[in-house]
Amino acid sequence: LYATGIRNPVGLAWVPETNRLWTAVNERDLLGDDLVPDYITSVEDGGFYGWPYFYLGANADARMKGKGADRADTVIVPDVLVTAHSASLGLAYYDSEMFPEEYRGDLFCAFHGSWNRSRRTGYKVVRVKLTDGVAEGGYENFAVGWLPEETSPTVWGRPVMVTVAPDGALLVVDDTGLKVWRISYGG
């Protein structure tokens, strides 16, 4: 085992500056609109990230009724928290030259979008800024527009995967709109 306690790690990306693996994780459901946040994190060899007993450090999942209590002080808190139920999926490391220099060495993540929240969230692609392979903080919206508004009964698309094309463009797979979007930079 490389690491444990990661519930549903979907996107994977290797960051060469630190020689570390990063992942985008879908966290658990049925604890309300704001629990539990999804996350994007570097993965430590031998690390324990809490699932199914804990989330965001030593916050116990009450449904586990105290199980795993002996591991509470070993839980690693993720690097970047994501709004709960955003469904963070595909993850890509940007190592190309089409986008401006400030994008090189950053991560892009597809948020598929919520299905179990009173106000929708996700339905976009975000950027996680890295400095020397380490997250600077949170994330910023990079490509939006698939969600007309938070209360809309329909959406225009659901990003599921991102990857960097050979020419440096970012490709976004949308499994609701049945499209592959190409995002390029022309200067």
N, C-alpha and C. Protein backbone atom coordinates (compact mmCIF):
# COMPACT_ATOMS: atom_id res chain seq x y z
N LEU A 1 0.83 -1.19 0.00
CA LEU A 1 0.00 0.00 0.00
C LEU A 1 0.88 1.25 0.00
N TYR A 2 0.47 2.20 -0.79
CA TYR A 2 1.21 3.47 -0.82
C TYR A 2 0.63 4.44 0.20
N ALA A 3 -0.71 4.60 0.19
CA ALA A 3 -1.41 5.47 1.15
C ALA A 3 -2.79 4.88 1.36
N THR A 4 -3.41 5.17 2.50
CA THR A 4 -4.74 4.64 2.82
C THR A 4 -5.66 5.76 3.30
N GLY A 5 -6.94 5.41 3.42
CA GLY A 5 -7.91 6.36 3.95
C GLY A 5 -8.33 7.43 2.96
N ILE A 6 -8.11 7.19 1.67
CA ILE A 6 -8.53 8.14 0.63
C ILE A 6 -9.78 7.56 -0.02
N ARG A 7 -10.92 8.22 0.19
CA ARG A 7 -12.16 7.72 -0.37
C ARG A 7 -12.30 8.20 -1.81
N ASN A 8 -12.35 7.30 -2.74
CA ASN A 8 -12.63 7.58 -4.14
C ASN A 8 -11.66 8.60 -4.76
N PRO A 9 -10.36 8.28 -4.78
CA PRO A 9 -9.43 9.15 -5.50
C PRO A 9 -9.62 8.93 -7.00
N VAL A 10 -10.04 9.96 -7.71
CA VAL A 10 -10.38 9.80 -9.12
C VAL A 10 -9.26 10.30 -10.02
N GLY A 11 -8.97 11.58 -9.96
CA GLY A 11 -7.91 12.13 -10.79
C GLY A 11 -6.55 11.91 -10.15
N LEU A 12 -5.56 11.61 -10.99
CA LEU A 12 -4.19 11.45 -10.53
C LEU A 12 -3.27 12.27 -11.41
N ALA A 13 -2.28 12.91 -10.80
CA ALA A 13 -1.29 13.68 -11.56
C ALA A 13 0.05 13.60 -10.83
N TRP A 14 1.11 13.48 -11.59
CA TRP A 14 2.45 13.43 -11.04
C TRP A 14 3.08 14.81 -11.19
N VAL A 15 3.65 15.35 -10.11
CA VAL A 15 4.28 16.66 -10.13
C VAL A 15 5.79 16.46 -10.04
N PRO A 16 6.49 16.68 -11.16
CA PRO A 16 7.91 16.36 -11.21
C PRO A 16 8.81 17.18 -10.28
N GLU A 17 8.44 18.45 -9.99
CA GLU A 17 9.29 19.28 -9.12
C GLU A 17 9.50 18.64 -7.75
N THR A 18 8.48 17.96 -7.27
CA THR A 18 8.56 17.35 -5.93
C THR A 18 8.59 15.82 -6.01
N ASN A 19 8.43 15.30 -7.22
CA ASN A 19 8.35 13.85 -7.42
C ASN A 19 7.23 13.25 -6.57
N ARG A 20 6.08 13.99 -6.54
CA ARG A 20 4.95 13.56 -5.72
C ARG A 20 3.70 13.35 -6.56
N LEU A 21 2.92 12.40 -6.10
CA LEU A 21 1.62 12.11 -6.68
C LEU A 21 0.58 13.03 -6.06
N TRP A 22 -0.34 13.53 -6.89
CA TRP A 22 -1.48 14.33 -6.43
C TRP A 22 -2.75 13.60 -6.85
N THR A 23 -3.82 13.83 -6.10
CA THR A 23 -5.10 13.22 -6.45
C THR A 23 -6.25 14.17 -6.15
N ALA A 24 -7.32 14.01 -6.92
CA ALA A 24 -8.59 14.70 -6.67
C ALA A 24 -9.53 13.65 -6.08
N VAL A 25 -10.17 13.99 -4.96
CA VAL A 25 -10.92 13.00 -4.19
C VAL A 25 -12.37 13.41 -4.00
N ASN A 26 -13.27 12.45 -4.26
CA ASN A 26 -14.69 12.60 -3.94
C ASN A 26 -14.87 12.11 -2.52
N GLU A 27 -15.31 12.95 -1.64
CA GLU A 27 -15.53 12.54 -0.25
C GLU A 27 -16.92 11.96 -0.08
N ARG A 28 -17.24 11.59 1.14
CA ARG A 28 -18.49 10.90 1.46
C ARG A 28 -19.72 11.80 1.34
N ASP A 29 -20.88 11.18 1.25
CA ASP A 29 -22.16 11.87 1.11
C ASP A 29 -23.02 11.65 2.34
N LEU A 30 -24.19 12.26 2.31
CA LEU A 30 -25.26 12.05 3.29
C LEU A 30 -24.97 12.63 4.67
N LEU A 31 -24.09 13.64 4.75
CA LEU A 31 -23.86 14.35 6.01
C LEU A 31 -24.29 15.81 5.90
N GLY A 32 -25.01 16.16 4.84
CA GLY A 32 -25.50 17.52 4.68
C GLY A 32 -24.86 18.24 3.51
N ASP A 33 -25.34 19.45 3.24
CA ASP A 33 -24.86 20.24 2.12
C ASP A 33 -23.36 20.55 2.19
N ASP A 34 -22.86 20.80 3.39
CA ASP A 34 -21.49 21.30 3.51
C ASP A 34 -20.48 20.28 4.04
N LEU A 35 -20.90 19.06 4.22
CA LEU A 35 -19.98 18.00 4.67
C LEU A 35 -20.11 16.82 3.72
N VAL A 36 -19.10 16.22 3.40
CA VAL A 36 -17.70 16.49 3.71
C VAL A 36 -17.06 17.11 2.48
N PRO A 37 -16.20 18.13 2.64
CA PRO A 37 -15.56 18.71 1.47
C PRO A 37 -14.78 17.68 0.66
N ASP A 38 -14.86 17.77 -0.66
CA ASP A 38 -13.96 17.03 -1.52
C ASP A 38 -12.59 17.68 -1.34
N TYR A 39 -11.57 17.09 -1.95
CA TYR A 39 -10.25 17.72 -1.84
C TYR A 39 -9.31 17.31 -2.96
N ILE A 40 -8.26 18.11 -3.08
CA ILE A 40 -7.15 17.85 -3.99
C ILE A 40 -5.91 17.88 -3.10
N THR A 41 -5.10 16.82 -3.18
CA THR A 41 -3.97 16.77 -2.25
C THR A 41 -2.79 16.00 -2.82
N SER A 42 -1.62 16.33 -2.31
CA SER A 42 -0.46 15.49 -2.57
C SER A 42 -0.62 14.26 -1.69
N VAL A 43 -0.04 13.17 -2.12
CA VAL A 43 -0.21 11.90 -1.41
C VAL A 43 1.13 11.48 -0.81
N GLU A 44 1.15 11.32 0.49
CA GLU A 44 2.37 10.92 1.19
C GLU A 44 2.49 9.41 1.25
N ASP A 45 3.67 8.91 0.99
CA ASP A 45 3.94 7.48 1.10
C ASP A 45 3.68 7.05 2.55
N GLY A 46 2.78 6.09 2.72
CA GLY A 46 2.43 5.61 4.06
C GLY A 46 1.41 6.48 4.77
N GLY A 47 0.91 7.52 4.10
CA GLY A 47 -0.03 8.45 4.72
C GLY A 47 -1.42 7.84 4.91
N PHE A 48 -2.13 8.33 5.93
CA PHE A 48 -3.51 7.94 6.21
C PHE A 48 -4.36 9.20 6.18
N TYR A 49 -5.40 9.19 5.33
CA TYR A 49 -6.21 10.38 5.09
C TYR A 49 -7.60 10.33 5.75
N GLY A 50 -7.85 9.31 6.56
CA GLY A 50 -9.03 9.32 7.42
C GLY A 50 -10.19 8.42 7.10
N TRP A 51 -10.46 8.18 5.83
CA TRP A 51 -11.66 7.43 5.49
C TRP A 51 -11.53 5.98 5.95
N PRO A 52 -12.56 5.36 6.48
CA PRO A 52 -13.93 5.84 6.65
C PRO A 52 -14.21 6.47 8.01
N TYR A 53 -13.20 6.55 8.86
CA TYR A 53 -13.42 6.98 10.25
C TYR A 53 -13.45 8.48 10.45
N PHE A 54 -12.61 9.20 9.70
CA PHE A 54 -12.43 10.64 9.94
C PHE A 54 -12.45 11.41 8.63
N TYR A 55 -12.60 12.73 8.76
CA TYR A 55 -12.46 13.63 7.61
C TYR A 55 -11.83 14.93 8.09
N LEU A 56 -11.08 15.58 7.20
CA LEU A 56 -10.39 16.84 7.51
C LEU A 56 -9.62 16.77 8.83
N GLY A 57 -8.79 15.80 8.94
CA GLY A 57 -8.07 15.59 10.19
C GLY A 57 -8.86 14.65 11.06
N ALA A 58 -8.91 14.94 12.35
CA ALA A 58 -9.53 14.02 13.31
C ALA A 58 -11.02 14.27 13.54
N ASN A 59 -11.74 14.79 12.54
CA ASN A 59 -13.19 14.95 12.66
C ASN A 59 -13.83 13.59 12.41
N ALA A 60 -14.42 13.04 13.44
CA ALA A 60 -14.98 11.68 13.37
C ALA A 60 -16.29 11.65 12.61
N ASP A 61 -16.45 10.63 11.79
CA ASP A 61 -17.73 10.37 11.12
C ASP A 61 -18.58 9.63 12.15
N ALA A 62 -19.63 10.27 12.63
CA ALA A 62 -20.47 9.71 13.70
C ALA A 62 -21.06 8.36 13.32
N ARG A 63 -21.21 8.12 12.03
CA ARG A 63 -21.78 6.85 11.59
C ARG A 63 -20.85 5.67 11.89
N MET A 64 -19.58 5.95 12.17
CA MET A 64 -18.62 4.89 12.47
C MET A 64 -18.60 4.53 13.95
N LYS A 65 -19.32 5.29 14.78
CA LYS A 65 -19.52 4.99 16.20
C LYS A 65 -18.20 4.71 16.95
N GLY A 66 -17.22 5.58 16.75
CA GLY A 66 -15.96 5.49 17.48
C GLY A 66 -14.93 4.54 16.92
N LYS A 67 -15.26 3.82 15.88
CA LYS A 67 -14.28 2.89 15.29
C LYS A 67 -13.08 3.68 14.75
N GLY A 68 -11.91 3.10 14.86
CA GLY A 68 -10.69 3.73 14.34
C GLY A 68 -10.14 4.84 15.21
N ALA A 69 -10.68 5.01 16.41
CA ALA A 69 -10.26 6.11 17.29
C ALA A 69 -8.76 6.14 17.53
N ASP A 70 -8.13 4.98 17.51
CA ASP A 70 -6.68 4.90 17.75
C ASP A 70 -5.87 5.53 16.61
N ARG A 71 -6.51 5.87 15.49
CA ARG A 71 -5.80 6.46 14.35
C ARG A 71 -6.06 7.96 14.21
N ALA A 72 -6.81 8.54 15.12
CA ALA A 72 -7.21 9.95 15.01
C ALA A 72 -6.03 10.90 14.87
N ASP A 73 -4.95 10.63 15.57
CA ASP A 73 -3.81 11.56 15.53
C ASP A 73 -2.87 11.31 14.35
N THR A 74 -3.23 10.39 13.47
CA THR A 74 -2.38 10.10 12.31
C THR A 74 -2.98 10.62 11.00
N VAL A 75 -4.18 11.19 11.05
CA VAL A 75 -4.87 11.62 9.83
C VAL A 75 -4.19 12.85 9.23
N ILE A 76 -3.90 12.77 7.95
CA ILE A 76 -3.30 13.89 7.21
C ILE A 76 -4.43 14.78 6.68
N VAL A 77 -4.31 16.07 6.93
CA VAL A 77 -5.28 17.03 6.40
C VAL A 77 -4.89 17.33 4.95
N PRO A 78 -5.87 17.26 4.02
CA PRO A 78 -5.58 17.49 2.60
C PRO A 78 -5.05 18.90 2.33
N ASP A 79 -4.34 19.05 1.21
CA ASP A 79 -3.75 20.33 0.84
C ASP A 79 -4.78 21.38 0.43
N VAL A 80 -5.75 21.00 -0.40
CA VAL A 80 -6.72 21.95 -0.95
C VAL A 80 -8.13 21.41 -0.74
N LEU A 81 -8.93 22.13 0.03
CA LEU A 81 -10.33 21.72 0.25
C LEU A 81 -11.20 22.26 -0.87
N VAL A 82 -12.20 21.46 -1.24
CA VAL A 82 -13.11 21.79 -2.32
C VAL A 82 -14.53 21.79 -1.76
N THR A 83 -15.37 22.71 -2.21
CA THR A 83 -16.76 22.77 -1.76
C THR A 83 -17.38 21.37 -1.81
N ALA A 84 -18.02 20.99 -0.71
CA ALA A 84 -18.62 19.66 -0.60
C ALA A 84 -19.53 19.35 -1.77
N HIS A 85 -19.41 18.13 -2.27
CA HIS A 85 -20.24 17.58 -3.35
C HIS A 85 -19.98 18.21 -4.72
N SER A 86 -18.82 18.85 -4.88
CA SER A 86 -18.44 19.38 -6.19
C SER A 86 -18.10 18.25 -7.16
N ALA A 87 -17.79 17.09 -6.63
CA ALA A 87 -17.39 15.92 -7.40
C ALA A 87 -16.12 16.20 -8.20
N SER A 88 -15.04 16.44 -7.48
CA SER A 88 -13.74 16.68 -8.13
C SER A 88 -13.29 15.38 -8.78
N LEU A 89 -13.04 15.44 -10.09
CA LEU A 89 -12.71 14.22 -10.83
C LEU A 89 -11.34 14.34 -11.49
N GLY A 90 -11.30 14.54 -12.82
CA GLY A 90 -10.05 14.53 -13.55
C GLY A 90 -9.08 15.60 -13.10
N LEU A 91 -7.80 15.25 -13.09
CA LEU A 91 -6.75 16.15 -12.62
C LEU A 91 -5.60 16.11 -13.63
N ALA A 92 -5.07 17.28 -13.96
CA ALA A 92 -3.96 17.34 -14.91
C ALA A 92 -2.93 18.36 -14.44
N TYR A 93 -1.67 18.00 -14.62
CA TYR A 93 -0.54 18.88 -14.32
C TYR A 93 -0.18 19.60 -15.62
N TYR A 94 -0.08 20.94 -15.56
CA TYR A 94 0.21 21.71 -16.77
C TYR A 94 1.71 21.93 -16.91
N ASP A 95 2.30 21.27 -17.91
CA ASP A 95 3.75 21.38 -18.14
C ASP A 95 4.06 21.79 -19.57
N SER A 96 3.12 22.48 -20.19
CA SER A 96 3.30 22.87 -21.58
C SER A 96 3.57 24.37 -21.67
N GLU A 97 3.61 24.90 -22.90
CA GLU A 97 4.00 26.29 -23.09
C GLU A 97 2.95 27.16 -23.78
N MET A 98 1.76 26.62 -24.12
CA MET A 98 0.77 27.45 -24.80
C MET A 98 0.23 28.55 -23.87
N PHE A 99 -0.11 28.19 -22.65
CA PHE A 99 -0.63 29.17 -21.70
C PHE A 99 0.52 30.04 -21.19
N PRO A 100 0.20 31.21 -20.65
CA PRO A 100 1.26 32.07 -20.10
C PRO A 100 2.07 31.34 -19.02
N GLU A 101 3.28 31.82 -18.82
CA GLU A 101 4.24 31.23 -17.88
C GLU A 101 3.62 30.95 -16.51
N GLU A 102 2.77 31.85 -16.02
CA GLU A 102 2.21 31.69 -14.66
C GLU A 102 1.35 30.44 -14.49
N TYR A 103 0.95 29.79 -15.57
CA TYR A 103 0.15 28.56 -15.49
C TYR A 103 1.02 27.31 -15.45
N ARG A 104 2.27 27.43 -15.83
CA ARG A 104 3.15 26.26 -15.89
C ARG A 104 3.43 25.76 -14.48
N GLY A 105 3.29 24.45 -14.32
CA GLY A 105 3.52 23.85 -13.02
C GLY A 105 2.30 23.85 -12.11
N ASP A 106 1.13 24.22 -12.64
CA ASP A 106 -0.10 24.21 -11.85
C ASP A 106 -0.95 22.98 -12.19
N LEU A 107 -1.98 22.77 -11.39
CA LEU A 107 -2.91 21.67 -11.61
C LEU A 107 -4.25 22.22 -12.10
N PHE A 108 -4.92 21.45 -12.95
CA PHE A 108 -6.29 21.75 -13.37
C PHE A 108 -7.15 20.57 -12.98
N CYS A 109 -8.36 20.86 -12.49
CA CYS A 109 -9.25 19.79 -12.03
C CYS A 109 -10.66 20.03 -12.56
N ALA A 110 -11.29 18.97 -13.04
CA ALA A 110 -12.67 19.01 -13.50
C ALA A 110 -13.60 18.74 -12.33
N PHE A 111 -14.58 19.62 -12.12
CA PHE A 111 -15.62 19.41 -11.10
C PHE A 111 -16.89 18.99 -11.83
N HIS A 112 -17.28 17.75 -11.65
CA HIS A 112 -18.43 17.18 -12.33
C HIS A 112 -19.74 17.82 -11.88
N GLY A 113 -19.83 18.21 -10.63
CA GLY A 113 -21.02 18.88 -10.10
C GLY A 113 -21.84 18.02 -9.17
N SER A 114 -22.59 18.70 -8.32
CA SER A 114 -23.36 18.05 -7.26
C SER A 114 -24.68 17.47 -7.76
N TRP A 115 -25.12 16.45 -7.08
CA TRP A 115 -26.44 15.87 -7.33
C TRP A 115 -27.24 15.82 -6.03
N ASN A 116 -26.57 16.06 -4.91
CA ASN A 116 -27.18 15.85 -3.60
C ASN A 116 -26.99 17.06 -2.69
N ARG A 117 -27.25 18.21 -3.22
CA ARG A 117 -27.06 19.45 -2.47
C ARG A 117 -28.24 20.36 -2.78
N SER A 118 -28.70 21.14 -1.81
CA SER A 118 -29.87 21.99 -2.05
C SER A 118 -29.57 23.09 -3.07
N ARG A 119 -28.34 23.59 -3.09
CA ARG A 119 -27.90 24.55 -4.11
C ARG A 119 -26.72 23.91 -4.83
N ARG A 120 -26.81 23.81 -6.14
CA ARG A 120 -25.78 23.13 -6.92
C ARG A 120 -24.42 23.80 -6.78
N THR A 121 -23.38 22.98 -6.95
CA THR A 121 -22.01 23.49 -6.97
C THR A 121 -21.20 22.62 -7.91
N GLY A 122 -20.06 23.13 -8.34
CA GLY A 122 -19.21 22.40 -9.28
C GLY A 122 -19.47 22.82 -10.70
N TYR A 123 -19.49 21.84 -11.63
CA TYR A 123 -19.77 22.10 -13.05
C TYR A 123 -18.78 23.11 -13.64
N LYS A 124 -17.49 22.89 -13.39
CA LYS A 124 -16.47 23.82 -13.86
C LYS A 124 -15.11 23.16 -13.84
N VAL A 125 -14.13 23.88 -14.34
CA VAL A 125 -12.73 23.48 -14.26
C VAL A 125 -12.03 24.53 -13.42
N VAL A 126 -11.22 24.07 -12.46
CA VAL A 126 -10.51 24.99 -11.58
C VAL A 126 -9.01 24.83 -11.74
N ARG A 127 -8.30 25.81 -11.28
CA ARG A 127 -6.84 25.82 -11.29
C ARG A 127 -6.34 25.85 -9.85
N VAL A 128 -5.38 24.99 -9.54
CA VAL A 128 -4.71 25.00 -8.25
C VAL A 128 -3.29 25.48 -8.50
N LYS A 129 -2.96 26.64 -7.95
CA LYS A 129 -1.62 27.19 -8.14
C LYS A 129 -0.62 26.44 -7.25
N LEU A 130 0.49 26.05 -7.87
CA LEU A 130 1.57 25.39 -7.15
C LEU A 130 2.83 26.25 -7.25
N THR A 131 3.57 26.32 -6.17
CA THR A 131 4.88 26.95 -6.16
C THR A 131 5.88 25.88 -5.75
N ASP A 132 6.79 25.58 -6.65
CA ASP A 132 7.75 24.49 -6.42
C ASP A 132 7.05 23.20 -6.04
N GLY A 133 5.89 22.94 -6.68
CA GLY A 133 5.16 21.70 -6.47
C GLY A 133 4.30 21.66 -5.22
N VAL A 134 4.17 22.79 -4.52
CA VAL A 134 3.38 22.86 -3.29
C VAL A 134 2.21 23.82 -3.50
N ALA A 135 1.02 23.43 -3.05
CA ALA A 135 -0.18 24.26 -3.23
C ALA A 135 -0.03 25.58 -2.48
N GLU A 136 -0.42 26.67 -3.15
CA GLU A 136 -0.37 28.01 -2.55
C GLU A 136 -1.55 28.27 -1.62
N GLY A 137 -2.59 27.48 -1.70
CA GLY A 137 -3.78 27.72 -0.89
C GLY A 137 -4.96 26.99 -1.48
N GLY A 138 -5.96 27.75 -1.89
CA GLY A 138 -7.17 27.15 -2.44
C GLY A 138 -7.08 26.94 -3.94
N TYR A 139 -8.20 27.19 -4.60
CA TYR A 139 -8.27 27.05 -6.04
C TYR A 139 -9.01 28.23 -6.61
N GLU A 140 -8.88 28.42 -7.91
CA GLU A 140 -9.61 29.50 -8.58
C GLU A 140 -10.34 28.93 -9.78
N ASN A 141 -11.48 29.53 -10.09
CA ASN A 141 -12.23 29.10 -11.27
C ASN A 141 -11.40 29.38 -12.51
N PHE A 142 -11.40 28.41 -13.42
CA PHE A 142 -10.67 28.56 -14.67
C PHE A 142 -11.64 28.58 -15.85
N ALA A 143 -12.57 27.62 -15.91
CA ALA A 143 -13.57 27.57 -16.98
C ALA A 143 -14.92 27.27 -16.35
N VAL A 144 -15.87 28.16 -16.56
CA VAL A 144 -17.21 28.01 -16.00
C VAL A 144 -18.24 28.16 -17.12
N GLY A 145 -19.51 28.02 -16.78
CA GLY A 145 -20.57 28.24 -17.76
C GLY A 145 -21.45 27.04 -18.00
N TRP A 146 -21.12 25.90 -17.41
CA TRP A 146 -21.93 24.71 -17.59
C TRP A 146 -23.14 24.70 -16.66
N LEU A 147 -23.15 25.54 -15.65
CA LEU A 147 -24.26 25.65 -14.70
C LEU A 147 -24.89 27.02 -14.86
N PRO A 148 -26.11 27.10 -15.43
CA PRO A 148 -26.73 28.41 -15.65
C PRO A 148 -26.89 29.20 -14.36
N GLU A 149 -27.35 28.56 -13.30
CA GLU A 149 -27.45 29.16 -11.96
C GLU A 149 -27.62 28.05 -10.94
N GLU A 150 -27.31 28.35 -9.67
CA GLU A 150 -27.30 27.31 -8.62
C GLU A 150 -28.62 26.58 -8.45
N THR A 151 -29.73 27.23 -8.78
CA THR A 151 -31.04 26.62 -8.58
C THR A 151 -31.63 26.05 -9.86
N SER A 152 -30.86 26.07 -10.93
CA SER A 152 -31.35 25.59 -12.21
C SER A 152 -31.66 24.09 -12.15
N PRO A 153 -32.80 23.66 -12.70
CA PRO A 153 -33.11 22.24 -12.74
C PRO A 153 -32.28 21.48 -13.79
N THR A 154 -31.66 22.21 -14.69
CA THR A 154 -30.84 21.57 -15.73
C THR A 154 -29.46 22.21 -15.75
N VAL A 155 -28.52 21.47 -16.32
CA VAL A 155 -27.16 21.99 -16.51
C VAL A 155 -26.80 21.82 -17.97
N TRP A 156 -25.83 22.59 -18.44
CA TRP A 156 -25.43 22.53 -19.83
C TRP A 156 -24.28 21.56 -20.08
N GLY A 157 -23.67 21.11 -19.01
CA GLY A 157 -22.56 20.18 -19.15
C GLY A 157 -21.99 19.81 -17.80
N ARG A 158 -21.19 18.74 -17.80
CA ARG A 158 -20.55 18.28 -16.56
C ARG A 158 -19.13 17.82 -16.87
N PRO A 159 -18.15 18.68 -16.58
CA PRO A 159 -16.76 18.29 -16.83
C PRO A 159 -16.39 17.06 -16.01
N VAL A 160 -15.72 16.13 -16.67
CA VAL A 160 -15.37 14.87 -16.00
C VAL A 160 -13.86 14.61 -16.03
N MET A 161 -13.18 15.14 -17.04
CA MET A 161 -11.75 14.87 -17.19
C MET A 161 -11.08 16.06 -17.84
N VAL A 162 -9.83 16.30 -17.46
CA VAL A 162 -9.00 17.29 -18.13
C VAL A 162 -7.66 16.64 -18.47
N THR A 163 -7.10 17.09 -19.57
CA THR A 163 -5.77 16.62 -19.96
C THR A 163 -5.12 17.69 -20.81
N VAL A 164 -3.81 17.67 -20.86
CA VAL A 164 -3.08 18.64 -21.66
C VAL A 164 -2.79 18.00 -23.02
N ALA A 165 -3.23 18.67 -24.08
CA ALA A 165 -3.00 18.19 -25.45
C ALA A 165 -1.54 18.40 -25.83
N PRO A 166 -1.06 17.70 -26.85
CA PRO A 166 0.33 17.86 -27.29
C PRO A 166 0.70 19.31 -27.64
N ASP A 167 -0.28 20.10 -28.11
CA ASP A 167 0.03 21.50 -28.46
C ASP A 167 -0.07 22.45 -27.27
N GLY A 168 -0.42 21.93 -26.08
CA GLY A 168 -0.50 22.76 -24.88
C GLY A 168 -1.90 23.22 -24.52
N ALA A 169 -2.88 22.98 -25.38
CA ALA A 169 -4.26 23.32 -25.04
C ALA A 169 -4.75 22.40 -23.93
N LEU A 170 -5.76 22.82 -23.21
CA LEU A 170 -6.38 21.99 -22.18
C LEU A 170 -7.64 21.38 -22.79
N LEU A 171 -7.76 20.06 -22.73
CA LEU A 171 -8.94 19.36 -23.22
C LEU A 171 -9.82 19.00 -22.03
N VAL A 172 -11.12 19.27 -22.15
CA VAL A 172 -12.08 19.01 -21.08
C VAL A 172 -13.16 18.09 -21.62
N VAL A 173 -13.30 16.92 -21.03
CA VAL A 173 -14.35 15.98 -21.42
C VAL A 173 -15.60 16.32 -20.64
N ASP A 174 -16.72 16.45 -21.35
CA ASP A 174 -18.02 16.80 -20.77
C ASP A 174 -18.97 15.65 -21.07
N ASP A 175 -19.32 14.86 -20.05
CA ASP A 175 -20.12 13.66 -20.31
C ASP A 175 -21.63 13.91 -20.32
N THR A 176 -22.07 15.12 -20.07
CA THR A 176 -23.49 15.46 -20.22
C THR A 176 -23.72 16.15 -21.55
N GLY A 177 -22.85 17.08 -21.89
CA GLY A 177 -22.94 17.76 -23.19
C GLY A 177 -22.41 16.91 -24.33
N LEU A 178 -21.79 15.76 -23.98
CA LEU A 178 -21.21 14.85 -24.96
C LEU A 178 -20.24 15.56 -25.90
N LYS A 179 -19.31 16.31 -25.26
CA LYS A 179 -18.34 17.09 -26.01
C LYS A 179 -16.96 16.96 -25.38
N VAL A 180 -15.95 17.23 -26.17
CA VAL A 180 -14.61 17.48 -25.66
C VAL A 180 -14.31 18.94 -25.99
N TRP A 181 -14.17 19.75 -24.95
CA TRP A 181 -13.89 21.17 -25.13
C TRP A 181 -12.38 21.37 -25.21
N ARG A 182 -11.95 22.22 -26.09
CA ARG A 182 -10.54 22.56 -26.21
C ARG A 182 -10.35 24.01 -25.79
N ILE A 183 -9.55 24.22 -24.76
CA ILE A 183 -9.28 25.57 -24.26
C ILE A 183 -7.85 25.90 -24.65
N SER A 184 -7.72 26.96 -25.46
CA SER A 184 -6.39 27.35 -25.93
C SER A 184 -6.13 28.81 -25.55
N TYR A 185 -4.89 29.20 -25.72
CA TYR A 185 -4.49 30.59 -25.43
C TYR A 185 -3.82 31.15 -26.66
N GLY A 186 -4.32 32.33 -27.09
CA GLY A 186 -3.80 32.92 -28.30
C GLY A 186 -2.96 34.14 -28.10
N GLY A 187 -2.85 34.60 -26.84
CA GLY A 187 -1.98 35.77 -26.58
C GLY A 187 -2.61 37.10 -26.87
